[in-house]
Amino acid sequence: MIQRIQTVFLLVSTFLLGLIFWLPLADITAADQLYLFDIKGIHKAGELVINGWALVCFLVLIVISHLVVIFSYKNRIRQVRILIFLMILLLGLFGIFFWFAYMGFRGVTVSFKLAVAFPIVAIILDWLAIRAIGKDEALIRSLNRIR
């Protein structure tokens, strides 16, 4: 149901997480060489240095779970439970970004891009969606008491 505010929060969150597939995450400078870190891994001059397929699979799982939450609007309790789990996964995704950026290099300088902040923004939007779902649930329970 698109007219509910929590659906808008979840759609924006899903959109931001989907943008991570196309945006670079960081520029890494190590030993006077420039590496590009994106969702597929770490690249040096177009050549893949560190594979990031685990990161891709993890992000696909999170995006699909967001879509499941959007379309399970009839079961609000399940929505809240899945969103709490997704918030934990998003914190893990944020940590994995830092782990990938610093894992294989010594004396590294990392310049993070805007896309690294998208999981934190998604956590905030998911929290706002949980609050709105809670308000809907409270409204439905109060209406049931009136009958």
N, C-alpha and C. Protein backbone atom coordinates (compact mmCIF):
# COMPACT_ATOMS: atom_id res chain seq x y z
N MET A 1 0.85 -1.17 0.00
CA MET A 1 0.00 0.00 0.00
C MET A 1 0.90 1.24 0.00
N ILE A 2 0.94 1.91 -1.09
CA ILE A 2 1.86 3.02 -1.30
C ILE A 2 1.47 4.25 -0.50
N GLN A 3 0.22 4.37 -0.08
CA GLN A 3 -0.19 5.58 0.60
C GLN A 3 0.30 5.65 2.04
N ARG A 4 0.84 4.58 2.57
CA ARG A 4 1.35 4.60 3.93
C ARG A 4 2.76 5.15 3.94
N ILE A 5 3.08 5.92 4.97
CA ILE A 5 4.38 6.59 5.03
C ILE A 5 5.53 5.58 5.19
N GLN A 6 5.26 4.47 5.89
CA GLN A 6 6.34 3.49 6.06
C GLN A 6 6.73 2.86 4.72
N THR A 7 5.80 2.76 3.79
CA THR A 7 6.12 2.24 2.47
C THR A 7 7.06 3.20 1.74
N VAL A 8 6.83 4.47 1.91
CA VAL A 8 7.72 5.46 1.29
C VAL A 8 9.12 5.36 1.89
N PHE A 9 9.19 5.23 3.23
CA PHE A 9 10.50 5.07 3.88
C PHE A 9 11.21 3.83 3.35
N LEU A 10 10.48 2.74 3.22
CA LEU A 10 11.09 1.50 2.76
C LEU A 10 11.50 1.57 1.29
N LEU A 11 10.71 2.24 0.47
CA LEU A 11 11.08 2.40 -0.94
C LEU A 11 12.33 3.26 -1.10
N VAL A 12 12.43 4.33 -0.34
CA VAL A 12 13.64 5.18 -0.41
C VAL A 12 14.85 4.40 0.07
N SER A 13 14.67 3.63 1.14
CA SER A 13 15.76 2.82 1.67
C SER A 13 16.22 1.79 0.63
N THR A 14 15.28 1.13 -0.02
CA THR A 14 15.61 0.15 -1.06
C THR A 14 16.30 0.81 -2.24
N PHE A 15 15.83 1.99 -2.62
CA PHE A 15 16.44 2.72 -3.73
C PHE A 15 17.88 3.09 -3.41
N LEU A 16 18.13 3.59 -2.20
CA LEU A 16 19.51 3.95 -1.82
C LEU A 16 20.42 2.73 -1.82
N LEU A 17 19.92 1.62 -1.30
CA LEU A 17 20.74 0.41 -1.29
C LEU A 17 20.97 -0.11 -2.71
N GLY A 18 20.00 0.08 -3.59
CA GLY A 18 20.19 -0.30 -4.99
C GLY A 18 21.22 0.56 -5.69
N LEU A 19 21.34 1.82 -5.28
CA LEU A 19 22.34 2.70 -5.88
C LEU A 19 23.77 2.25 -5.59
N ILE A 20 23.95 1.50 -4.52
CA ILE A 20 25.29 1.03 -4.17
C ILE A 20 25.85 0.13 -5.28
N PHE A 21 24.98 -0.53 -6.03
CA PHE A 21 25.44 -1.40 -7.12
C PHE A 21 26.16 -0.62 -8.22
N TRP A 22 25.86 0.66 -8.37
CA TRP A 22 26.42 1.44 -9.48
C TRP A 22 27.43 2.50 -9.04
N LEU A 23 27.43 2.87 -7.79
CA LEU A 23 28.32 3.94 -7.34
C LEU A 23 29.60 3.38 -6.73
N PRO A 24 30.72 4.09 -6.90
CA PRO A 24 31.95 3.64 -6.24
C PRO A 24 31.86 3.89 -4.74
N LEU A 25 32.53 3.03 -3.98
CA LEU A 25 32.49 3.15 -2.52
C LEU A 25 33.70 3.90 -1.97
N ALA A 26 34.86 3.72 -2.59
CA ALA A 26 36.05 4.39 -2.07
C ALA A 26 37.18 4.38 -3.10
N ASP A 27 38.09 5.30 -2.91
CA ASP A 27 39.36 5.29 -3.62
C ASP A 27 40.42 4.95 -2.59
N ILE A 28 41.23 3.95 -2.88
CA ILE A 28 42.25 3.49 -1.94
C ILE A 28 43.61 3.78 -2.54
N THR A 29 44.44 4.45 -1.77
CA THR A 29 45.81 4.72 -2.19
C THR A 29 46.74 3.94 -1.27
N ALA A 30 47.48 3.00 -1.86
CA ALA A 30 48.44 2.18 -1.10
C ALA A 30 49.69 2.02 -1.94
N ALA A 31 50.83 2.29 -1.35
CA ALA A 31 52.12 2.17 -2.03
C ALA A 31 52.12 2.97 -3.33
N ASP A 32 51.60 4.17 -3.27
CA ASP A 32 51.55 5.09 -4.41
C ASP A 32 50.79 4.53 -5.61
N GLN A 33 49.86 3.64 -5.36
CA GLN A 33 49.01 3.10 -6.41
C GLN A 33 47.56 3.35 -6.03
N LEU A 34 46.73 3.63 -7.03
CA LEU A 34 45.33 3.95 -6.80
C LEU A 34 44.47 2.74 -7.11
N TYR A 35 43.63 2.39 -6.15
CA TYR A 35 42.68 1.29 -6.29
C TYR A 35 41.27 1.85 -6.19
N LEU A 36 40.34 1.25 -6.91
CA LEU A 36 38.93 1.64 -6.85
C LEU A 36 38.15 0.53 -6.16
N PHE A 37 37.41 0.89 -5.12
CA PHE A 37 36.59 -0.06 -4.38
C PHE A 37 35.13 0.18 -4.72
N ASP A 38 34.52 -0.80 -5.36
CA ASP A 38 33.08 -0.75 -5.61
C ASP A 38 32.48 -2.06 -5.12
N ILE A 39 31.22 -2.28 -5.42
CA ILE A 39 30.50 -3.44 -4.87
C ILE A 39 31.07 -4.76 -5.39
N LYS A 40 31.70 -4.75 -6.55
CA LYS A 40 32.23 -5.98 -7.13
C LYS A 40 33.61 -6.34 -6.59
N GLY A 41 34.23 -5.41 -5.88
CA GLY A 41 35.54 -5.69 -5.30
C GLY A 41 36.45 -4.48 -5.42
N ILE A 42 37.74 -4.77 -5.31
CA ILE A 42 38.75 -3.72 -5.41
C ILE A 42 39.49 -3.91 -6.73
N HIS A 43 39.55 -2.83 -7.52
CA HIS A 43 40.13 -2.86 -8.86
C HIS A 43 41.35 -1.95 -8.92
N LYS A 44 42.30 -2.37 -9.73
CA LYS A 44 43.46 -1.53 -10.02
C LYS A 44 43.60 -1.49 -11.54
N ALA A 45 43.34 -0.33 -12.12
CA ALA A 45 43.43 -0.12 -13.57
C ALA A 45 42.57 -1.13 -14.32
N GLY A 46 41.36 -1.36 -13.84
CA GLY A 46 40.43 -2.25 -14.51
C GLY A 46 40.62 -3.73 -14.17
N GLU A 47 41.69 -4.07 -13.48
CA GLU A 47 41.97 -5.46 -13.13
C GLU A 47 41.49 -5.73 -11.70
N LEU A 48 40.77 -6.81 -11.51
CA LEU A 48 40.22 -7.15 -10.19
C LEU A 48 41.34 -7.65 -9.28
N VAL A 49 41.52 -6.97 -8.14
CA VAL A 49 42.54 -7.35 -7.18
C VAL A 49 41.92 -8.21 -6.07
N ILE A 50 40.81 -7.75 -5.50
CA ILE A 50 40.11 -8.48 -4.44
C ILE A 50 38.66 -8.63 -4.87
N ASN A 51 38.19 -9.87 -4.89
CA ASN A 51 36.84 -10.16 -5.33
C ASN A 51 35.83 -9.76 -4.25
N GLY A 52 34.70 -9.20 -4.68
CA GLY A 52 33.69 -8.76 -3.73
C GLY A 52 32.35 -9.44 -3.90
N TRP A 53 32.34 -10.70 -4.40
CA TRP A 53 31.07 -11.38 -4.63
C TRP A 53 30.30 -11.61 -3.34
N ALA A 54 30.99 -11.81 -2.24
CA ALA A 54 30.29 -11.97 -0.96
C ALA A 54 29.54 -10.69 -0.62
N LEU A 55 30.13 -9.57 -0.91
CA LEU A 55 29.49 -8.28 -0.68
C LEU A 55 28.26 -8.11 -1.57
N VAL A 56 28.37 -8.54 -2.82
CA VAL A 56 27.24 -8.46 -3.75
C VAL A 56 26.09 -9.33 -3.25
N CYS A 57 26.39 -10.57 -2.86
CA CYS A 57 25.34 -11.48 -2.37
C CYS A 57 24.68 -10.94 -1.12
N PHE A 58 25.47 -10.38 -0.22
CA PHE A 58 24.95 -9.82 1.02
C PHE A 58 24.01 -8.65 0.73
N LEU A 59 24.40 -7.79 -0.19
CA LEU A 59 23.56 -6.64 -0.54
C LEU A 59 22.29 -7.07 -1.28
N VAL A 60 22.38 -8.07 -2.14
CA VAL A 60 21.19 -8.59 -2.82
C VAL A 60 20.21 -9.15 -1.80
N LEU A 61 20.71 -9.88 -0.81
CA LEU A 61 19.86 -10.41 0.25
C LEU A 61 19.13 -9.28 0.99
N ILE A 62 19.84 -8.21 1.28
CA ILE A 62 19.24 -7.08 2.00
C ILE A 62 18.18 -6.38 1.14
N VAL A 63 18.46 -6.17 -0.14
CA VAL A 63 17.50 -5.49 -1.02
C VAL A 63 16.25 -6.35 -1.21
N ILE A 64 16.43 -7.65 -1.42
CA ILE A 64 15.27 -8.54 -1.59
C ILE A 64 14.44 -8.58 -0.30
N SER A 65 15.11 -8.58 0.84
CA SER A 65 14.38 -8.58 2.11
C SER A 65 13.59 -7.28 2.30
N HIS A 66 14.13 -6.17 1.83
CA HIS A 66 13.38 -4.91 1.89
C HIS A 66 12.12 -5.01 1.02
N LEU A 67 12.24 -5.62 -0.14
CA LEU A 67 11.07 -5.78 -1.01
C LEU A 67 10.04 -6.71 -0.38
N VAL A 68 10.50 -7.74 0.33
CA VAL A 68 9.57 -8.64 1.04
C VAL A 68 8.82 -7.86 2.10
N VAL A 69 9.52 -6.99 2.82
CA VAL A 69 8.88 -6.18 3.86
C VAL A 69 7.84 -5.25 3.24
N ILE A 70 8.15 -4.66 2.11
CA ILE A 70 7.21 -3.74 1.47
C ILE A 70 5.92 -4.47 1.10
N PHE A 71 6.04 -5.69 0.58
CA PHE A 71 4.86 -6.40 0.10
C PHE A 71 4.17 -7.25 1.16
N SER A 72 4.68 -7.27 2.38
CA SER A 72 3.99 -7.99 3.45
C SER A 72 3.30 -7.00 4.38
N TYR A 73 2.60 -6.04 3.79
CA TYR A 73 1.97 -4.97 4.56
C TYR A 73 0.79 -5.45 5.39
N LYS A 74 0.26 -6.63 5.11
CA LYS A 74 -0.87 -7.12 5.90
C LYS A 74 -0.44 -7.71 7.23
N ASN A 75 0.81 -8.08 7.35
CA ASN A 75 1.33 -8.65 8.59
C ASN A 75 2.37 -7.69 9.17
N ARG A 76 1.90 -6.76 9.98
CA ARG A 76 2.75 -5.68 10.49
C ARG A 76 3.80 -6.19 11.48
N ILE A 77 3.46 -7.20 12.26
CA ILE A 77 4.43 -7.73 13.23
C ILE A 77 5.62 -8.37 12.49
N ARG A 78 5.33 -9.10 11.42
CA ARG A 78 6.41 -9.68 10.62
C ARG A 78 7.26 -8.59 10.00
N GLN A 79 6.64 -7.51 9.56
CA GLN A 79 7.39 -6.39 9.00
C GLN A 79 8.39 -5.85 10.02
N VAL A 80 7.94 -5.66 11.24
CA VAL A 80 8.82 -5.10 12.27
C VAL A 80 9.97 -6.06 12.56
N ARG A 81 9.67 -7.35 12.67
CA ARG A 81 10.73 -8.32 12.97
C ARG A 81 11.78 -8.37 11.86
N ILE A 82 11.33 -8.38 10.62
CA ILE A 82 12.27 -8.42 9.50
C ILE A 82 13.08 -7.13 9.44
N LEU A 83 12.44 -6.00 9.73
CA LEU A 83 13.17 -4.73 9.69
C LEU A 83 14.23 -4.65 10.78
N ILE A 84 13.96 -5.18 11.95
CA ILE A 84 14.98 -5.19 13.01
C ILE A 84 16.16 -6.05 12.57
N PHE A 85 15.87 -7.20 11.98
CA PHE A 85 16.93 -8.06 11.45
C PHE A 85 17.72 -7.35 10.35
N LEU A 86 17.01 -6.63 9.48
CA LEU A 86 17.67 -5.89 8.41
C LEU A 86 18.55 -4.76 8.93
N MET A 87 18.14 -4.14 10.01
CA MET A 87 18.97 -3.09 10.59
C MET A 87 20.29 -3.67 11.09
N ILE A 88 20.25 -4.86 11.66
CA ILE A 88 21.48 -5.53 12.10
C ILE A 88 22.34 -5.88 10.89
N LEU A 89 21.71 -6.39 9.82
CA LEU A 89 22.46 -6.70 8.60
C LEU A 89 23.08 -5.45 7.98
N LEU A 90 22.38 -4.34 8.03
CA LEU A 90 22.91 -3.10 7.46
C LEU A 90 24.11 -2.60 8.27
N LEU A 91 24.08 -2.77 9.58
CA LEU A 91 25.26 -2.44 10.38
C LEU A 91 26.44 -3.32 9.99
N GLY A 92 26.16 -4.59 9.74
CA GLY A 92 27.20 -5.50 9.27
C GLY A 92 27.74 -5.10 7.91
N LEU A 93 26.86 -4.69 7.01
CA LEU A 93 27.29 -4.22 5.69
C LEU A 93 28.20 -3.01 5.80
N PHE A 94 27.84 -2.10 6.69
CA PHE A 94 28.66 -0.91 6.91
C PHE A 94 30.05 -1.31 7.43
N GLY A 95 30.09 -2.27 8.34
CA GLY A 95 31.36 -2.77 8.84
C GLY A 95 32.17 -3.49 7.78
N ILE A 96 31.50 -4.23 6.91
CA ILE A 96 32.20 -4.94 5.83
C ILE A 96 32.84 -3.96 4.87
N PHE A 97 32.20 -2.82 4.62
CA PHE A 97 32.80 -1.81 3.77
C PHE A 97 34.17 -1.39 4.32
N PHE A 98 34.23 -1.14 5.62
CA PHE A 98 35.49 -0.72 6.22
C PHE A 98 36.51 -1.87 6.23
N TRP A 99 36.04 -3.07 6.46
CA TRP A 99 36.94 -4.22 6.47
C TRP A 99 37.56 -4.41 5.09
N PHE A 100 36.76 -4.33 4.03
CA PHE A 100 37.28 -4.47 2.67
C PHE A 100 38.27 -3.36 2.35
N ALA A 101 37.99 -2.16 2.79
CA ALA A 101 38.85 -1.03 2.44
C ALA A 101 40.22 -1.12 3.09
N TYR A 102 40.30 -1.69 4.29
CA TYR A 102 41.56 -1.71 5.02
C TYR A 102 42.20 -3.08 5.10
N MET A 103 41.60 -4.13 4.54
CA MET A 103 42.03 -5.48 4.83
C MET A 103 43.37 -5.88 4.22
N GLY A 104 43.64 -5.57 3.01
CA GLY A 104 44.81 -6.14 2.36
C GLY A 104 45.95 -5.20 2.11
N PHE A 105 45.94 -4.03 2.70
CA PHE A 105 46.95 -3.04 2.37
C PHE A 105 47.63 -2.52 3.63
N ARG A 106 48.88 -2.16 3.49
CA ARG A 106 49.63 -1.51 4.57
C ARG A 106 49.86 -0.06 4.18
N GLY A 107 49.79 0.84 5.15
CA GLY A 107 50.00 2.25 4.87
C GLY A 107 49.00 2.79 3.86
N VAL A 108 47.75 2.51 4.12
CA VAL A 108 46.70 2.81 3.17
C VAL A 108 46.03 4.14 3.51
N THR A 109 45.65 4.87 2.47
CA THR A 109 44.84 6.07 2.60
C THR A 109 43.55 5.82 1.84
N VAL A 110 42.45 5.90 2.58
CA VAL A 110 41.15 5.59 1.98
C VAL A 110 40.33 6.87 1.91
N SER A 111 39.78 7.12 0.74
CA SER A 111 38.87 8.24 0.53
C SER A 111 37.49 7.67 0.23
N PHE A 112 36.65 7.62 1.26
CA PHE A 112 35.31 7.05 1.10
C PHE A 112 34.42 7.99 0.32
N LYS A 113 33.52 7.39 -0.45
CA LYS A 113 32.57 8.15 -1.26
C LYS A 113 31.22 8.20 -0.54
N LEU A 114 30.28 8.89 -1.13
CA LEU A 114 28.96 9.10 -0.54
C LEU A 114 28.19 7.79 -0.36
N ALA A 115 28.39 6.83 -1.23
CA ALA A 115 27.62 5.58 -1.19
C ALA A 115 27.88 4.77 0.07
N VAL A 116 28.98 4.99 0.75
CA VAL A 116 29.26 4.27 1.99
C VAL A 116 28.27 4.66 3.09
N ALA A 117 27.73 5.86 3.02
CA ALA A 117 26.78 6.32 4.03
C ALA A 117 25.37 5.80 3.79
N PHE A 118 25.10 5.22 2.65
CA PHE A 118 23.75 4.77 2.34
C PHE A 118 23.21 3.71 3.31
N PRO A 119 24.02 2.75 3.80
CA PRO A 119 23.48 1.81 4.80
C PRO A 119 23.04 2.50 6.09
N ILE A 120 23.75 3.53 6.52
CA ILE A 120 23.37 4.25 7.73
C ILE A 120 22.07 5.01 7.51
N VAL A 121 21.93 5.63 6.34
CA VAL A 121 20.68 6.32 6.01
C VAL A 121 19.54 5.31 5.93
N ALA A 122 19.82 4.11 5.38
CA ALA A 122 18.79 3.07 5.30
C ALA A 122 18.39 2.59 6.70
N ILE A 123 19.33 2.53 7.63
CA ILE A 123 19.00 2.15 9.00
C ILE A 123 18.05 3.18 9.61
N ILE A 124 18.33 4.45 9.39
CA ILE A 124 17.46 5.51 9.92
C ILE A 124 16.07 5.43 9.30
N LEU A 125 16.00 5.22 7.99
CA LEU A 125 14.71 5.10 7.32
C LEU A 125 13.96 3.86 7.78
N ASP A 126 14.67 2.76 8.01
CA ASP A 126 14.02 1.56 8.52
C ASP A 126 13.47 1.79 9.93
N TRP A 127 14.20 2.51 10.75
CA TRP A 127 13.73 2.82 12.10
C TRP A 127 12.47 3.70 12.03
N LEU A 128 12.46 4.66 11.13
CA LEU A 128 11.26 5.49 10.95
C LEU A 128 10.08 4.65 10.46
N ALA A 129 10.35 3.68 9.60
CA ALA A 129 9.28 2.78 9.13
C ALA A 129 8.75 1.94 10.28
N ILE A 130 9.63 1.47 11.16
CA ILE A 130 9.18 0.68 12.31
C ILE A 130 8.28 1.53 13.20
N ARG A 131 8.64 2.78 13.41
CA ARG A 131 7.79 3.66 14.22
C ARG A 131 6.42 3.84 13.58
N ALA A 132 6.39 4.03 12.26
CA ALA A 132 5.11 4.22 11.57
C ALA A 132 4.28 2.94 11.58
N ILE A 133 4.92 1.80 11.45
CA ILE A 133 4.21 0.52 11.53
C ILE A 133 3.63 0.34 12.93
N GLY A 134 4.38 0.72 13.95
CA GLY A 134 3.88 0.65 15.32
C GLY A 134 2.67 1.53 15.54
N LYS A 135 2.67 2.71 14.93
CA LYS A 135 1.51 3.59 15.04
C LYS A 135 0.30 2.99 14.35
N ASP A 136 0.51 2.37 13.19
CA ASP A 136 -0.60 1.69 12.49
C ASP A 136 -1.15 0.56 13.35
N GLU A 137 -0.27 -0.23 13.93
CA GLU A 137 -0.70 -1.35 14.76
C GLU A 137 -1.48 -0.86 15.98
N ALA A 138 -1.02 0.22 16.60
CA ALA A 138 -1.75 0.78 17.75
C ALA A 138 -3.12 1.30 17.33
N LEU A 139 -3.21 1.91 16.17
CA LEU A 139 -4.49 2.41 15.67
C LEU A 139 -5.46 1.25 15.42
N ILE A 140 -4.98 0.19 14.81
CA ILE A 140 -5.84 -0.96 14.53
C ILE A 140 -6.31 -1.61 15.83
N ARG A 141 -5.42 -1.72 16.80
CA ARG A 141 -5.84 -2.31 18.09
C ARG A 141 -6.83 -1.42 18.82
N SER A 142 -6.68 -0.12 18.72
CA SER A 142 -7.64 0.77 19.39
C SER A 142 -8.99 0.71 18.71
N LEU A 143 -9.01 0.54 17.39
CA LEU A 143 -10.28 0.41 16.69
C LEU A 143 -10.97 -0.91 17.02
N ASN A 144 -10.19 -1.95 17.25
CA ASN A 144 -10.78 -3.22 17.63
C ASN A 144 -11.42 -3.16 19.03
N ARG A 145 -10.88 -2.34 19.91
CA ARG A 145 -11.45 -2.19 21.25
C ARG A 145 -12.76 -1.44 21.21
N ILE A 146 -12.92 -0.53 20.27
CA ILE A 146 -14.13 0.27 20.18
C ILE A 146 -15.32 -0.62 19.76
N ARG A 147 -15.09 -1.57 18.90
CA ARG A 147 -16.17 -2.43 18.41
C ARG A 147 -16.67 -3.23 19.53
